[in-house]
Protein backbone atom coordinates (compact mmCIF):
# COMPACT_ATOMS: atom_id res chain seq x y z
CA MET A 1 -25.93 -2.73 6.30
CA ALA A 2 -22.63 -2.06 4.60
CA SER A 3 -19.86 -4.25 5.80
CA TYR A 4 -16.65 -2.56 6.94
CA GLN A 5 -13.47 -3.59 5.35
CA ARG A 6 -10.98 -2.29 7.80
CA LEU A 7 -10.56 0.31 10.46
CA PHE A 8 -7.36 1.86 11.56
CA ALA A 9 -5.96 4.81 13.36
CA ALA A 10 -3.76 7.01 11.27
CA ALA A 11 -1.27 9.64 12.26
CA ALA A 12 -2.34 12.88 13.95
CA GLY A 13 -5.31 11.48 15.91
CA ILE A 14 -7.43 10.42 12.95
CA VAL A 15 -9.59 7.29 12.94
CA GLN A 16 -10.34 6.10 9.40
CA PHE A 17 -13.43 4.02 8.53
CA ASN A 18 -13.69 2.00 5.33
CA TRP A 19 -16.78 0.11 4.18
CA THR A 20 -18.35 -1.65 1.23
CA ASP A 21 -20.73 0.46 -0.69
CA ASN A 22 -23.93 -1.59 -0.78
CA SER A 23 -26.08 1.04 -2.44
CA GLY A 24 -29.19 -0.50 -4.04
CA ASN A 25 -29.57 -3.32 -1.49
CA THR A 26 -32.89 -2.99 0.37
CA PHE A 27 -33.00 0.61 1.72
CA ALA A 28 -29.33 1.50 1.14
CA ASN A 29 -28.92 4.56 -1.06
CA ALA A 30 -25.74 6.06 -2.48
CA ASP A 31 -26.53 9.48 -0.88
CA ASP A 32 -27.07 8.16 2.68
CA ASN A 33 -24.64 9.84 5.08
CA ALA A 34 -22.27 7.94 7.27
CA ILE A 35 -22.64 8.13 11.06
CA LEU A 36 -19.25 7.64 12.70
CA VAL A 37 -18.82 7.09 16.37
CA VAL A 38 -15.60 6.79 18.46
CA TYR A 39 -15.90 6.17 22.15
CA CYS A 40 -12.98 6.30 24.70
CA PRO A 41 -13.93 4.21 27.76
CA GLU A 42 -10.94 5.51 29.81
CA LEU A 43 -12.19 9.08 29.49
CA THR A 44 -15.92 8.19 29.18
CA GLN A 45 -16.09 10.58 26.13
CA SER A 46 -17.18 10.15 22.58
CA VAL A 47 -16.69 11.91 19.28
CA TYR A 48 -19.21 11.42 16.51
CA THR A 49 -20.73 12.88 13.34
CA LYS A 50 -24.13 12.27 11.72
CA THR A 51 -23.05 14.15 8.63
CA GLY A 52 -20.21 12.04 7.40
CA PRO A 53 -19.56 11.40 3.74
CA GLU A 54 -22.13 9.64 1.56
CA ARG A 55 -22.39 5.86 1.53
CA ASN A 56 -20.87 5.62 -1.99
CA ALA A 57 -17.61 7.29 -0.71
CA ALA A 58 -16.84 4.02 1.13
CA THR A 59 -14.35 5.84 3.42
CA ALA A 60 -14.34 8.52 6.13
CA GLU A 61 -12.05 10.01 8.73
CA LEU A 62 -12.90 11.32 12.14
CA ASN A 63 -10.54 13.60 14.07
CA VAL A 64 -10.14 12.24 17.64
CA SER A 65 -6.92 13.95 18.56
CA ASN A 66 -8.13 14.22 22.20
CA PHE A 67 -7.82 10.44 22.42
CA ILE A 68 -4.20 10.05 21.22
CA GLY A 69 -2.58 7.14 22.98
CA LYS A 70 -5.90 5.71 24.14
CA THR A 71 -7.82 2.60 23.09
CA VAL A 72 -11.18 3.47 21.55
CA GLN A 73 -14.23 1.61 20.41
CA THR A 74 -15.83 2.45 17.09
CA TRP A 75 -19.26 2.22 15.34
CA LEU A 76 -20.54 2.88 11.87
CA SER A 77 -24.10 3.51 10.71
CA PHE A 78 -25.98 5.43 8.07
CA ILE A 79 -28.77 7.95 7.86
CA SER A 80 -30.92 8.67 4.84
CA ALA A 81 -30.32 11.99 3.08
CA ASP A 82 -33.66 13.35 4.34
CA GLY A 83 -32.84 12.16 7.90
CA SER A 84 -35.96 9.97 8.14
CA THR A 85 -34.32 6.49 8.16
CA TYR A 86 -31.34 5.11 10.16
CA ALA A 87 -29.49 1.82 9.53
CA THR A 88 -28.65 -0.40 12.41
CA SER A 89 -25.20 0.49 13.74
CA ILE A 90 -22.36 -1.99 13.50
CA PHE A 91 -19.47 -2.28 15.94
CA THR A 92 -16.34 -1.84 13.94
CA GLY A 93 -13.84 -2.70 16.57
CA GLU A 94 -11.21 -1.25 18.93
CA VAL A 95 -8.13 0.66 17.92
CA ILE A 96 -5.40 2.61 19.65
CA VAL A 97 -5.38 6.20 18.44
CA ALA A 98 -1.93 7.13 17.16
C-alpha cells in the first residue's frame, strides 16, 4: 500500500491527499485509480470517489464543501484500472475542513 505523506484541508472545502507512488511493488501499478473517502461523524455523511487520479499522480483533491467547519475522518485506497483488484484502505487521519 502506498504510504501517505500528508493530508490537509485547503481553502474552499477541499481535502487534499498526498501519497508516495509505490508503483511496481507487488500488485501496485501506476495506472491504479485512487479511492478517496471523507466521512463526517457529526453529520453521519460521507463523500468519496472510486475514480480518483492514478497512483502515479501521488496527489488528489476531494470537494467536501458541505463539511466546512467540521472535523472529518479520511481514508485512501486504490483500485486496479480494470476494477478487478482493490488495495487495503488506510486511515489517513482527521482534519477540520476549512
